[in-house]
Amino acid sequence: MSQIPSSGGVRYLLVDDEAGQRLDNFLFAQFRSLPRSRVYRMVRGGEVRINGGRAKFHTRLKAGDKVRLPPVRLPEAQELPTKLPESLAAKLEASIIEEQDDLLVLNKPSGLAVHGGSGQSWGLIEALRILRGPKLELVHRLDRETSGVLLVARKRSALKAWQQAFRPETKSTVKRYLALVDGPWPNRVQRVQDPLLRYETKSGERRVRVDDSGKPSHTEFAVLIEAPQCTLLQATLKTGRTHQIRVHAASRGHPVLGDDKYGGAGADARSLALGVPRLALHAAQLSVSNADLSANFLAPLPDDLSELFARMGYRP
């Protein structure tokens, strides 16, 4: 990345090594001390431009793109902590499945957001940078309450290679989840391809709904265990939209149990009756096979879901 001569507080950056990166992730790196909500408002309001035109936060940058950054008054820099709470440090150390020269593979704990903010003192990536060095970058994301396989790049080359492998058109990556959903899942519904649209509630919360104007989305569901009040599914992502499994399951009338965004009163009651401890969604497997990468990562079920699924007779 190089900076083009600018004036009036506006900055222009020329994309180089950042090619393939999402615009929001690029901006988070440029405005580390800004709240994420402010960064998203900049994009929605057209303050950020790519090659003179408006862009969306999920736009992927290309080599040679000229990115306009608006003048922003940054909050006073705060001294970064140099030590994590012992309990969090221990939790993160225990979550590391594999440590390579260019990659960390984690079994992300439920309840830990990948980024700080929104009332969270610590995010996973900020904490990991203290434990393993400041150059770590998230390859992808998991919802705060979702547990399972999460990749963190230790080198820029690894970040670009893995993010390229995740693009749907490459068809080289498999992501499989375990999901406990409300009620008896109809076997005839196995492939859900409803388009998904992101929107904001009046309170500013980001949500997703099925909408014909949304992005193409594809989840394949397979029944593992059936019970009178719930069904254990394997969900394979063919695209990687925000909240995709949760919204696709809920759109069929069978939300993931423990889902406080898309569950509904009936599912909430059954979650309580069944002793569901949190969102019953776990990223169990991530694998890739192409000319540049070949790997298969498995994340064991955490104790809370392991006990819940075992009561249904599930044995991984």
Protein backbone atom coordinates (compact mmCIF):
# COMPACT_ATOMS: atom_id res chain seq x y z
CA MET A 1 0.00 0.00 0.00
CA SER A 2 1.24 3.50 -0.80
CA GLN A 3 -0.15 6.92 0.00
CA ILE A 4 -1.01 9.37 -2.77
CA PRO A 5 -0.47 13.09 -2.06
CA SER A 6 -3.64 14.40 -0.40
CA SER A 7 -5.08 17.63 0.98
CA GLY A 8 -7.74 18.91 3.35
CA GLY A 9 -7.37 15.99 5.69
CA VAL A 10 -8.47 13.52 3.00
CA ARG A 11 -6.11 10.60 2.37
CA TYR A 12 -5.79 8.48 -0.76
CA LEU A 13 -4.22 5.03 -0.51
CA LEU A 14 -3.17 2.84 -3.43
CA VAL A 15 -3.88 -0.86 -2.90
CA ASP A 16 -1.02 -3.31 -3.39
CA ASP A 17 -0.52 -6.20 -0.96
CA GLU A 18 -4.03 -5.64 0.40
CA ALA A 19 -5.61 -6.93 -2.84
CA GLY A 20 -8.35 -9.44 -2.04
CA GLN A 21 -9.03 -7.97 1.39
CA ARG A 22 -12.52 -6.82 2.33
CA LEU A 23 -12.94 -3.07 2.59
CA ASP A 24 -14.11 -3.18 6.22
CA ASN A 25 -11.06 -5.17 7.34
CA PHE A 26 -8.83 -2.75 5.43
CA LEU A 27 -10.46 0.20 7.19
CA PHE A 28 -10.23 -1.39 10.63
CA ALA A 29 -6.46 -1.53 10.15
CA GLN A 30 -6.36 2.14 9.12
CA PHE A 31 -8.57 3.34 11.98
CA ARG A 32 -7.67 1.01 14.83
CA SER A 33 -8.80 3.43 17.54
CA LEU A 34 -12.22 4.12 15.97
CA PRO A 35 -15.32 2.17 17.04
CA ARG A 36 -16.32 -0.34 14.39
CA SER A 37 -19.77 1.29 14.20
CA ARG A 38 -18.15 4.57 13.11
CA VAL A 39 -16.21 2.80 10.36
CA TYR A 40 -19.41 1.22 9.02
CA ARG A 41 -21.17 4.61 9.06
CA MET A 42 -18.32 6.08 7.01
CA VAL A 43 -18.86 3.44 4.35
CA ARG A 44 -22.66 3.66 4.32
CA GLY A 45 -22.50 7.45 4.14
CA GLY A 46 -20.23 7.44 1.10
CA GLU A 47 -17.30 9.02 2.96
CA VAL A 48 -15.07 6.17 1.78
CA ARG A 49 -14.65 5.86 -1.99
CA ILE A 50 -12.90 3.38 -4.25
CA ASN A 51 -11.71 4.80 -7.56
CA GLY A 52 -14.08 7.72 -7.04
CA GLY A 53 -17.20 5.61 -6.52
CA ARG A 54 -19.17 4.53 -3.47
CA ALA A 55 -18.39 1.09 -2.07
CA LYS A 56 -19.86 -1.42 0.35
CA PHE A 57 -18.09 -2.75 3.40
CA HIS A 58 -17.85 -6.26 1.90
CA THR A 59 -16.28 -5.01 -1.38
CA ARG A 60 -12.99 -6.81 -2.04
CA LEU A 61 -10.08 -4.58 -2.94
CA LYS A 62 -8.10 -5.07 -6.15
CA ALA A 63 -4.48 -4.19 -6.87
CA GLY A 64 -4.27 -0.59 -8.08
CA ASP A 65 -7.53 0.53 -6.44
CA LYS A 66 -7.42 4.09 -5.10
CA VAL A 67 -9.17 4.29 -1.73
CA ARG A 68 -10.33 7.66 -0.42
CA LEU A 69 -10.28 7.99 3.36
CA PRO A 70 -12.17 10.93 4.89
CA PRO A 71 -10.71 13.29 7.47
CA VAL A 72 -11.44 11.70 10.83
CA ARG A 73 -10.76 13.01 14.30
CA LEU A 74 -9.32 10.03 16.10
CA PRO A 75 -9.83 9.54 19.82
CA GLU A 76 -6.77 9.99 21.94
CA ALA A 77 -4.60 6.91 21.75
CA GLN A 78 -4.82 4.77 24.82
CA GLU A 79 -1.94 2.78 26.14
CA LEU A 80 -2.40 -0.79 25.01
CA PRO A 81 -2.38 -3.37 27.80
CA THR A 82 0.59 -5.68 27.84
CA LYS A 83 -0.93 -8.46 29.92
CA LEU A 84 -4.19 -10.35 29.66
CA PRO A 85 -6.35 -11.47 32.55
CA GLU A 86 -4.99 -14.88 33.54
CA SER A 87 -8.32 -16.60 32.95
CA LEU A 88 -8.58 -15.28 29.38
CA ALA A 89 -4.96 -16.08 28.58
CA ALA A 90 -5.45 -19.64 29.84
CA LYS A 91 -8.67 -20.02 27.84
CA LEU A 92 -7.00 -18.89 24.63
CA GLU A 93 -3.92 -21.05 25.13
CA ALA A 94 -6.17 -24.07 25.66
CA SER A 95 -8.17 -23.24 22.53
CA ILE A 96 -5.18 -23.47 20.16
CA ILE A 97 -5.54 -26.66 18.15
CA GLU A 98 -2.50 -26.21 15.95
CA GLU A 99 0.30 -23.65 15.68
CA GLN A 100 2.17 -23.29 12.40
CA ASP A 101 4.77 -20.79 11.22
CA ASP A 102 2.17 -18.84 9.29
CA LEU A 103 -1.12 -19.90 10.88
CA LEU A 104 -2.89 -20.39 14.22
CA VAL A 105 -5.83 -22.79 14.33
CA LEU A 106 -8.21 -22.32 17.24
CA ASN A 107 -11.29 -23.95 18.66
CA LYS A 108 -12.93 -20.62 19.44
CA PRO A 109 -14.78 -20.56 22.75
CA SER A 110 -18.44 -19.57 22.73
CA GLY A 111 -19.13 -16.14 24.19
CA LEU A 112 -15.91 -14.55 22.95
CA ALA A 113 -16.28 -12.03 20.11
CA VAL A 114 -13.58 -12.12 17.44
CA HIS A 115 -13.20 -8.32 17.76
CA GLY A 116 -13.46 -6.08 20.82
CA GLY A 117 -16.15 -3.42 21.09
CA SER A 118 -19.93 -3.51 21.55
CA GLY A 119 -19.51 -3.72 25.30
CA GLN A 120 -16.70 -6.27 25.12
CA SER A 121 -13.47 -5.37 26.90
CA TRP A 122 -11.51 -7.94 24.91
CA GLY A 123 -11.86 -9.47 21.48
CA LEU A 124 -10.15 -12.68 20.47
CA ILE A 125 -7.84 -11.06 17.94
CA GLU A 126 -6.74 -8.25 20.29
CA ALA A 127 -6.00 -10.78 23.02
CA LEU A 128 -4.11 -13.09 20.65
CA ARG A 129 -1.92 -10.21 19.49
CA ILE A 130 -0.73 -9.83 23.06
CA LEU A 131 -0.11 -13.55 23.40
CA ARG A 132 1.43 -14.24 19.98
CA GLY A 133 2.45 -10.91 18.43
CA PRO A 134 0.88 -7.81 16.85
CA LYS A 135 0.84 -8.97 13.21
CA LEU A 136 -1.92 -11.55 13.61
CA GLU A 137 -4.98 -11.15 11.36
CA LEU A 138 -8.29 -13.00 11.27
CA VAL A 139 -8.72 -15.13 8.15
CA HIS A 140 -12.49 -15.30 8.70
CA ARG A 141 -15.03 -14.81 11.47
CA LEU A 142 -17.41 -16.71 13.71
CA ASP A 143 -20.35 -15.24 15.59
CA ARG A 144 -19.68 -14.44 19.21
CA GLU A 145 -21.78 -17.35 20.55
CA THR A 146 -20.58 -19.87 17.94
CA SER A 147 -17.71 -22.15 18.90
CA GLY A 148 -15.36 -24.05 16.62
CA VAL A 149 -12.61 -23.86 14.01
CA LEU A 150 -11.19 -20.38 13.51
CA LEU A 151 -8.06 -19.52 11.49
CA VAL A 152 -5.72 -16.65 12.32
CA ALA A 153 -2.91 -15.76 9.91
CA ARG A 154 0.57 -14.99 11.24
CA LYS A 155 1.83 -13.77 7.86
CA ARG A 156 0.33 -11.65 5.12
CA SER A 157 0.99 -14.37 2.54
CA ALA A 158 -1.06 -16.87 4.56
CA LEU A 159 -3.90 -14.40 4.99
CA LYS A 160 -4.16 -13.84 1.24
CA ALA A 161 -3.87 -17.54 0.38
CA TRP A 162 -6.58 -18.62 2.82
CA GLN A 163 -8.96 -15.81 1.98
CA GLN A 164 -8.60 -16.66 -1.69
CA ALA A 165 -9.39 -20.31 -0.90
CA PHE A 166 -12.54 -19.21 0.93
CA ARG A 167 -14.01 -17.47 -2.09
CA PRO A 168 -17.04 -19.46 -3.33
CA GLU A 169 -15.89 -19.61 -6.95
CA THR A 170 -12.78 -21.60 -6.00
CA LYS A 171 -14.92 -24.44 -4.60
CA SER A 172 -11.90 -25.68 -2.66
CA THR A 173 -13.04 -25.16 0.94
CA VAL A 174 -15.48 -27.19 3.03
CA LYS A 175 -16.98 -25.78 6.24
CA ARG A 176 -19.16 -28.13 8.28
CA TYR A 177 -21.12 -27.20 11.39
CA LEU A 178 -23.17 -29.09 13.96
CA ALA A 179 -26.48 -27.39 14.74
CA LEU A 180 -29.26 -28.41 17.11
CA VAL A 181 -32.50 -26.99 15.75
CA ASP A 182 -36.00 -26.70 17.10
CA GLY A 183 -38.51 -29.40 16.22
CA PRO A 184 -38.43 -32.28 13.69
CA TRP A 185 -36.49 -31.22 10.60
CA PRO A 186 -38.31 -32.29 7.39
CA ASN A 187 -36.00 -34.62 5.47
CA ARG A 188 -37.21 -33.24 2.16
CA VAL A 189 -35.62 -29.88 2.98
CA GLN A 190 -31.90 -30.48 2.63
CA ARG A 191 -30.66 -27.68 0.39
CA VAL A 192 -31.62 -24.12 1.28
CA GLN A 193 -30.69 -21.47 -1.28
CA ASP A 194 -32.67 -18.45 -0.10
CA PRO A 195 -30.89 -15.13 -0.79
CA LEU A 196 -29.88 -13.23 2.34
CA LEU A 197 -29.96 -9.47 2.94
CA ARG A 198 -28.21 -7.61 5.75
CA TYR A 199 -30.10 -4.76 7.39
CA GLU A 200 -30.16 -2.68 10.55
CA THR A 201 -32.86 -2.55 13.19
CA LYS A 202 -34.04 0.81 14.53
CA SER A 203 -31.64 0.37 17.45
CA GLY A 204 -28.71 -0.02 15.02
CA GLU A 205 -28.29 -3.78 15.47
CA ARG A 206 -27.17 -5.63 12.34
CA ARG A 207 -29.47 -8.47 11.31
CA VAL A 208 -30.04 -10.70 8.28
CA ARG A 209 -33.26 -11.82 6.59
CA VAL A 210 -34.33 -13.84 3.58
CA ASP A 211 -34.99 -11.36 0.77
CA ASP A 212 -35.10 -11.67 -3.01
CA SER A 213 -32.81 -8.64 -3.28
CA GLY A 214 -30.19 -10.26 -1.06
CA LYS A 215 -27.02 -12.15 -1.92
CA PRO A 216 -27.09 -15.72 -3.24
CA SER A 217 -26.70 -18.10 -0.31
CA HIS A 218 -26.56 -21.88 -0.09
CA THR A 219 -26.57 -24.22 2.91
CA GLU A 220 -26.85 -28.00 2.79
CA PHE A 221 -28.47 -29.65 5.82
CA ALA A 222 -28.24 -33.35 6.69
CA VAL A 223 -30.07 -34.95 9.62
CA LEU A 224 -27.81 -36.74 12.10
CA ILE A 225 -30.18 -37.47 15.00
CA GLU A 226 -33.93 -36.93 15.33
CA ALA A 227 -35.71 -36.36 18.63
CA PRO A 228 -39.32 -35.36 19.42
CA GLN A 229 -38.48 -31.75 20.23
CA CYS A 230 -35.30 -31.12 18.25
CA THR A 231 -33.02 -32.35 15.46
CA LEU A 232 -29.24 -32.50 15.31
CA LEU A 233 -28.06 -31.40 11.86
CA GLN A 234 -24.84 -31.23 9.96
CA ALA A 235 -24.82 -27.94 8.05
CA THR A 236 -22.36 -27.48 5.18
CA LEU A 237 -21.77 -23.96 3.93
CA LYS A 238 -21.58 -23.45 0.19
CA THR A 239 -21.45 -19.67 0.69
CA GLY A 240 -20.31 -17.72 3.72
CA ARG A 241 -22.91 -15.06 4.50
CA THR A 242 -23.37 -13.49 7.92
CA HIS A 243 -25.64 -15.62 10.17
CA GLN A 244 -26.28 -17.88 7.17
CA ILE A 245 -27.01 -21.15 8.98
CA ARG A 246 -29.05 -19.42 11.66
CA VAL A 247 -31.26 -17.53 9.19
CA HIS A 248 -31.66 -20.44 6.76
CA ALA A 249 -32.70 -22.75 9.59
CA ALA A 250 -35.10 -20.18 11.05
CA SER A 251 -36.60 -19.50 7.62
CA ARG A 252 -37.72 -23.13 7.52
CA GLY A 253 -39.39 -22.83 10.90
CA HIS A 254 -36.62 -24.66 12.76
CA PRO A 255 -34.28 -22.08 14.33
CA VAL A 256 -31.05 -23.09 16.01
CA LEU A 257 -31.79 -23.61 19.70
CA GLY A 258 -30.35 -20.95 21.97
CA ASP A 259 -30.51 -18.31 19.22
CA ASP A 260 -31.53 -15.02 20.82
CA LYS A 261 -31.74 -13.20 17.46
CA TYR A 262 -33.78 -15.54 15.27
CA GLY A 263 -35.25 -18.08 17.68
CA GLY A 264 -38.67 -16.85 18.72
CA ALA A 265 -40.60 -17.48 21.93
CA GLY A 266 -41.45 -21.13 21.24
CA ALA A 267 -37.86 -22.10 20.49
CA ASP A 268 -36.68 -20.15 23.55
CA ALA A 269 -39.00 -22.14 25.77
CA ARG A 270 -37.81 -25.47 24.33
CA SER A 271 -34.18 -24.38 24.66
CA LEU A 272 -34.80 -23.77 28.34
CA ALA A 273 -36.63 -27.08 28.80
CA LEU A 274 -33.86 -29.03 27.06
CA GLY A 275 -31.11 -27.29 29.02
CA VAL A 276 -29.48 -25.70 25.98
CA PRO A 277 -26.64 -23.63 27.52
CA ARG A 278 -26.13 -21.19 24.61
CA LEU A 279 -26.37 -21.01 20.80
CA ALA A 280 -26.22 -24.69 19.80
CA LEU A 281 -23.95 -24.13 16.79
CA HIS A 282 -20.39 -25.42 16.44
CA ALA A 283 -17.95 -25.09 13.51
CA ALA A 284 -16.72 -28.68 13.59
CA GLN A 285 -14.60 -28.97 10.44
CA LEU A 286 -12.75 -26.76 7.99
CA SER A 287 -10.83 -28.28 5.12
CA VAL A 288 -9.28 -27.05 1.90
CA SER A 289 -7.73 -28.77 -1.08
CA ASN A 290 -6.30 -26.88 -4.03
CA ALA A 291 -3.01 -26.32 -5.79
CA ASP A 292 -1.69 -24.06 -3.03
CA LEU A 293 -3.27 -25.40 0.17
CA SER A 294 -4.20 -28.78 1.60
CA ALA A 295 -5.43 -29.05 5.18
CA ASN A 296 -8.17 -30.51 7.33
CA PHE A 297 -8.92 -29.04 10.76
CA LEU A 298 -11.33 -30.56 13.28
CA ALA A 299 -12.58 -28.81 16.42
CA PRO A 300 -13.80 -31.11 19.20
CA LEU A 301 -17.13 -30.23 20.77
CA PRO A 302 -16.77 -28.08 23.89
CA ASP A 303 -18.04 -29.63 27.11
CA ASP A 304 -21.37 -27.77 27.16
CA LEU A 305 -22.47 -28.98 23.72
CA SER A 306 -20.80 -32.36 24.09
CA GLU A 307 -22.96 -33.14 27.12
CA LEU A 308 -26.09 -31.83 25.39
CA PHE A 309 -25.54 -33.82 22.18
CA ALA A 310 -24.53 -36.95 24.11
CA ARG A 311 -27.95 -36.96 25.77
CA MET A 312 -29.39 -37.31 22.28
CA GLY A 313 -27.11 -40.26 21.55
CA TYR A 314 -24.56 -38.41 19.44
CA ARG A 315 -21.05 -39.88 19.45
CA PRO A 316 -18.57 -38.01 17.22
